[in-house]
């Protein structure tokens, strides 16, 4: 139904900056919430930041003031600008889409409308060296 492309991950030094992008393709009408989550080995996936279609943002306490999330509704894309990075930011970062509405072009039924679907990207690794 949708294709998610994450980019921007890679090694960064402590104190440095990095930007992540998540671009979504497919016949999409709207995406309610777009966000970034992260997970370290042995830990649960945790929210980093999320943003609604109207621009309301929510950040984890650990990244507030350092990370900035933004989105481009026309492009169905979400971005995460990370600054003043710390070794504890090391994780796999995952893009999440919440409340996706669109047309499933892969369906055998023409113009098959779907509602309210959630999707995860495959993740991009961000190691932060000390």
C-alpha atoms as a PDB file:
ATOM      1  CA  UNK A   1       0.000   0.000   0.000  1.00  0.00           C
ATOM      2  CA  UNK A   2       2.814   2.394   0.895  1.00  0.00           C
ATOM      3  CA  UNK A   3       6.538   2.399   0.410  1.00  0.00           C
ATOM      4  CA  UNK A   4       8.673   3.953   3.128  1.00  0.00           C
ATOM      5  CA  UNK A   5      12.197   5.141   2.429  1.00  0.00           C
ATOM      6  CA  UNK A   6      14.348   6.177   5.362  1.00  0.00           C
ATOM      7  CA  UNK A   7      17.685   7.868   4.874  1.00  0.00           C
ATOM      8  CA  UNK A   8      20.322   9.874   6.679  1.00  0.00           C
ATOM      9  CA  UNK A   9      21.574   7.413   9.240  1.00  0.00           C
ATOM     10  CA  UNK A  10      25.234   6.904   9.912  1.00  0.00           C
ATOM     11  CA  UNK A  11      28.079   7.386  12.334  1.00  0.00           C
ATOM     12  CA  UNK A  12      28.282  10.737  14.102  1.00  0.00           C
ATOM     13  CA  UNK A  13      30.551  12.024  16.823  1.00  0.00           C
ATOM     14  CA  UNK A  14      29.229  13.140  20.173  1.00  0.00           C
ATOM     15  CA  UNK A  15      28.236  16.779  19.972  1.00  0.00           C
ATOM     16  CA  UNK A  16      27.591  16.498  16.262  1.00  0.00           C
ATOM     17  CA  UNK A  17      24.443  16.713  14.187  1.00  0.00           C
ATOM     18  CA  UNK A  18      22.603  14.412  11.838  1.00  0.00           C
ATOM     19  CA  UNK A  19      19.363  14.572   9.906  1.00  0.00           C
ATOM     20  CA  UNK A  20      17.027  11.704   9.122  1.00  0.00           C
ATOM     21  CA  UNK A  21      14.412  11.639   6.387  1.00  0.00           C
ATOM     22  CA  UNK A  22      11.425   9.405   5.866  1.00  0.00           C
ATOM     23  CA  UNK A  23       9.638   9.634   2.543  1.00  0.00           C
ATOM     24  CA  UNK A  24       6.431   7.834   1.785  1.00  0.00           C
ATOM     25  CA  UNK A  25       5.071   6.933  -1.614  1.00  0.00           C
ATOM     26  CA  UNK A  26       1.826   5.408  -2.744  1.00  0.00           C
ATOM     27  CA  UNK A  27      -1.620   6.768  -3.447  1.00  0.00           C
ATOM     28  CA  UNK A  28      -2.079   8.484  -0.115  1.00  0.00           C
ATOM     29  CA  UNK A  29      -4.778  10.922   0.861  1.00  0.00           C
ATOM     30  CA  UNK A  30      -3.558  11.765   4.331  1.00  0.00           C
ATOM     31  CA  UNK A  31      -1.332  10.689   7.187  1.00  0.00           C
ATOM     32  CA  UNK A  32      -2.484  11.664  10.648  1.00  0.00           C
ATOM     33  CA  UNK A  33       0.712  11.291  12.647  1.00  0.00           C
ATOM     34  CA  UNK A  34       4.301  10.802  11.542  1.00  0.00           C
ATOM     35  CA  UNK A  35       7.050  10.062  13.980  1.00  0.00           C
ATOM     36  CA  UNK A  36      10.418   8.658  14.832  1.00  0.00           C
ATOM     37  CA  UNK A  37      11.074   5.907  17.329  1.00  0.00           C
ATOM     38  CA  UNK A  38      14.341   4.299  18.353  1.00  0.00           C
ATOM     39  CA  UNK A  39      15.461   1.030  19.816  1.00  0.00           C
ATOM     40  CA  UNK A  40      18.707  -0.204  21.304  1.00  0.00           C
ATOM     41  CA  UNK A  41      19.552  -3.914  21.589  1.00  0.00           C
ATOM     42  CA  UNK A  42      17.573  -5.546  24.357  1.00  0.00           C
ATOM     43  CA  UNK A  43      15.339  -2.541  24.860  1.00  0.00           C
ATOM     44  CA  UNK A  44      11.826  -1.667  23.808  1.00  0.00           C
ATOM     45  CA  UNK A  45      11.232   0.744  20.980  1.00  0.00           C
ATOM     46  CA  UNK A  46      10.668   4.219  22.401  1.00  0.00           C
ATOM     47  CA  UNK A  47       9.203   7.399  21.029  1.00  0.00           C
ATOM     48  CA  UNK A  48      11.695  10.036  19.971  1.00  0.00           C
ATOM     49  CA  UNK A  49       9.335  12.580  18.433  1.00  0.00           C
ATOM     50  CA  UNK A  50       6.062  12.726  16.548  1.00  0.00           C
ATOM     51  CA  UNK A  51       4.107  15.324  14.661  1.00  0.00           C
ATOM     52  CA  UNK A  52       0.489  15.542  13.594  1.00  0.00           C
ATOM     53  CA  UNK A  53      -0.767  16.714  10.236  1.00  0.00           C
ATOM     54  CA  UNK A  54      -1.563  20.014  11.890  1.00  0.00           C
ATOM     55  CA  UNK A  55       1.984  20.438  13.132  1.00  0.00           C
ATOM     56  CA  UNK A  56       1.550  19.548  16.795  1.00  0.00           C
ATOM     57  CA  UNK A  57       4.749  17.966  18.056  1.00  0.00           C
ATOM     58  CA  UNK A  58       5.649  15.724  20.938  1.00  0.00           C
ATOM     59  CA  UNK A  59       9.187  14.887  22.067  1.00  0.00           C
ATOM     60  CA  UNK A  60      10.753  12.448  24.457  1.00  0.00           C
ATOM     61  CA  UNK A  61      12.212  14.243  27.455  1.00  0.00           C
ATOM     62  CA  UNK A  62      15.656  12.892  26.596  1.00  0.00           C
ATOM     63  CA  UNK A  63      15.779  14.704  23.240  1.00  0.00           C
ATOM     64  CA  UNK A  64      13.824  17.873  23.958  1.00  0.00           C
ATOM     65  CA  UNK A  65      15.738  20.976  22.887  1.00  0.00           C
ATOM     66  CA  UNK A  66      18.196  18.920  20.832  1.00  0.00           C
ATOM     67  CA  UNK A  67      16.010  17.227  18.209  1.00  0.00           C
ATOM     68  CA  UNK A  68      13.501  18.844  15.890  1.00  0.00           C
ATOM     69  CA  UNK A  69      10.839  17.008  13.942  1.00  0.00           C
ATOM     70  CA  UNK A  70       9.153  18.444  10.879  1.00  0.00           C
ATOM     71  CA  UNK A  71       7.022  17.201   8.037  1.00  0.00           C
ATOM     72  CA  UNK A  72       6.036  18.070   4.510  1.00  0.00           C
ATOM     73  CA  UNK A  73       2.422  17.040   4.024  1.00  0.00           C
ATOM     74  CA  UNK A  74       2.536  17.553   0.260  1.00  0.00           C
ATOM     75  CA  UNK A  75       5.490  15.177  -0.040  1.00  0.00           C
ATOM     76  CA  UNK A  76       4.297  12.796   2.690  1.00  0.00           C
ATOM     77  CA  UNK A  77       7.686  13.126   4.347  1.00  0.00           C
ATOM     78  CA  UNK A  78       8.918  13.540   7.894  1.00  0.00           C
ATOM     79  CA  UNK A  79      12.316  14.715   9.024  1.00  0.00           C
ATOM     80  CA  UNK A  80      14.305  14.579  12.233  1.00  0.00           C
ATOM     81  CA  UNK A  81      17.076  17.077  12.812  1.00  0.00           C
ATOM     82  CA  UNK A  82      19.349  15.869  15.614  1.00  0.00           C
ATOM     83  CA  UNK A  83      21.901  18.168  17.252  1.00  0.00           C
ATOM     84  CA  UNK A  84      24.203  17.971  20.266  1.00  0.00           C
ATOM     85  CA  UNK A  85      24.125  14.241  19.938  1.00  0.00           C
ATOM     86  CA  UNK A  86      25.153  11.986  22.773  1.00  0.00           C
ATOM     87  CA  UNK A  87      26.424   8.387  22.848  1.00  0.00           C
ATOM     88  CA  UNK A  88      23.157   7.406  24.506  1.00  0.00           C
ATOM     89  CA  UNK A  89      21.368   8.485  21.314  1.00  0.00           C
ATOM     90  CA  UNK A  90      22.918   5.462  19.622  1.00  0.00           C
ATOM     91  CA  UNK A  91      20.076   3.330  18.324  1.00  0.00           C
ATOM     92  CA  UNK A  92      18.170   2.108  15.330  1.00  0.00           C
ATOM     93  CA  UNK A  93      15.763   4.857  14.332  1.00  0.00           C
ATOM     94  CA  UNK A  94      12.414   3.932  12.847  1.00  0.00           C
ATOM     95  CA  UNK A  95       9.888   6.030  11.014  1.00  0.00           C
ATOM     96  CA  UNK A  96       6.271   5.413  11.968  1.00  0.00           C
ATOM     97  CA  UNK A  97       3.128   6.448  10.137  1.00  0.00           C
ATOM     98  CA  UNK A  98      -0.110   6.586  12.040  1.00  0.00           C
ATOM     99  CA  UNK A  99      -3.585   6.841  10.526  1.00  0.00           C
ATOM    100  CA  UNK A 100      -2.807   6.511   6.841  1.00  0.00           C
ATOM    101  CA  UNK A 101      -5.695   6.809   4.389  1.00  0.00           C
ATOM    102  CA  UNK A 102      -5.351   6.059   0.719  1.00  0.00           C
ATOM    103  CA  UNK A 103      -5.944   3.801  -2.247  1.00  0.00           C
ATOM    104  CA  UNK A 104      -4.351   0.365  -2.380  1.00  0.00           C
ATOM    105  CA  UNK A 105      -2.998   0.201  -5.918  1.00  0.00           C
ATOM    106  CA  UNK A 106      -1.962  -3.415  -5.402  1.00  0.00           C
ATOM    107  CA  UNK A 107      -5.479  -4.571  -4.674  1.00  0.00           C
ATOM    108  CA  UNK A 108      -7.416  -6.635  -7.184  1.00  0.00           C
ATOM    109  CA  UNK A 109     -10.303  -4.325  -6.435  1.00  0.00           C
ATOM    110  CA  UNK A 110     -10.040  -1.094  -8.376  1.00  0.00           C
ATOM    111  CA  UNK A 111      -9.754   2.039  -6.234  1.00  0.00           C
ATOM    112  CA  UNK A 112      -9.730   0.009  -3.032  1.00  0.00           C
ATOM    113  CA  UNK A 113      -9.842   2.578  -0.249  1.00  0.00           C
ATOM    114  CA  UNK A 114      -8.157   1.838   3.051  1.00  0.00           C
ATOM    115  CA  UNK A 115      -8.343   3.777   6.252  1.00  0.00           C
ATOM    116  CA  UNK A 116      -6.486   4.336   9.418  1.00  0.00           C
ATOM    117  CA  UNK A 117      -3.495   2.074   8.768  1.00  0.00           C
ATOM    118  CA  UNK A 118      -0.210   2.215  10.665  1.00  0.00           C
ATOM    119  CA  UNK A 119       3.168   1.468   9.134  1.00  0.00           C
ATOM    120  CA  UNK A 120       6.777   1.175  10.240  1.00  0.00           C
ATOM    121  CA  UNK A 121       9.894   1.836   8.248  1.00  0.00           C
ATOM    122  CA  UNK A 122      12.712  -0.686   8.265  1.00  0.00           C
ATOM    123  CA  UNK A 123      14.953   1.531  10.350  1.00  0.00           C
ATOM    124  CA  UNK A 124      18.248   3.293   9.980  1.00  0.00           C
ATOM    125  CA  UNK A 125      21.190   2.890  12.319  1.00  0.00           C
ATOM    126  CA  UNK A 126      22.670   5.898  14.095  1.00  0.00           C
ATOM    127  CA  UNK A 127      25.820   5.188  16.104  1.00  0.00           C
ATOM    128  CA  UNK A 128      27.170   8.089  18.155  1.00  0.00           C
ATOM    129  CA  UNK A 129      30.823   7.806  19.095  1.00  0.00           C
ATOM    130  CA  UNK A 130      32.185   9.328  22.298  1.00  0.00           C
END
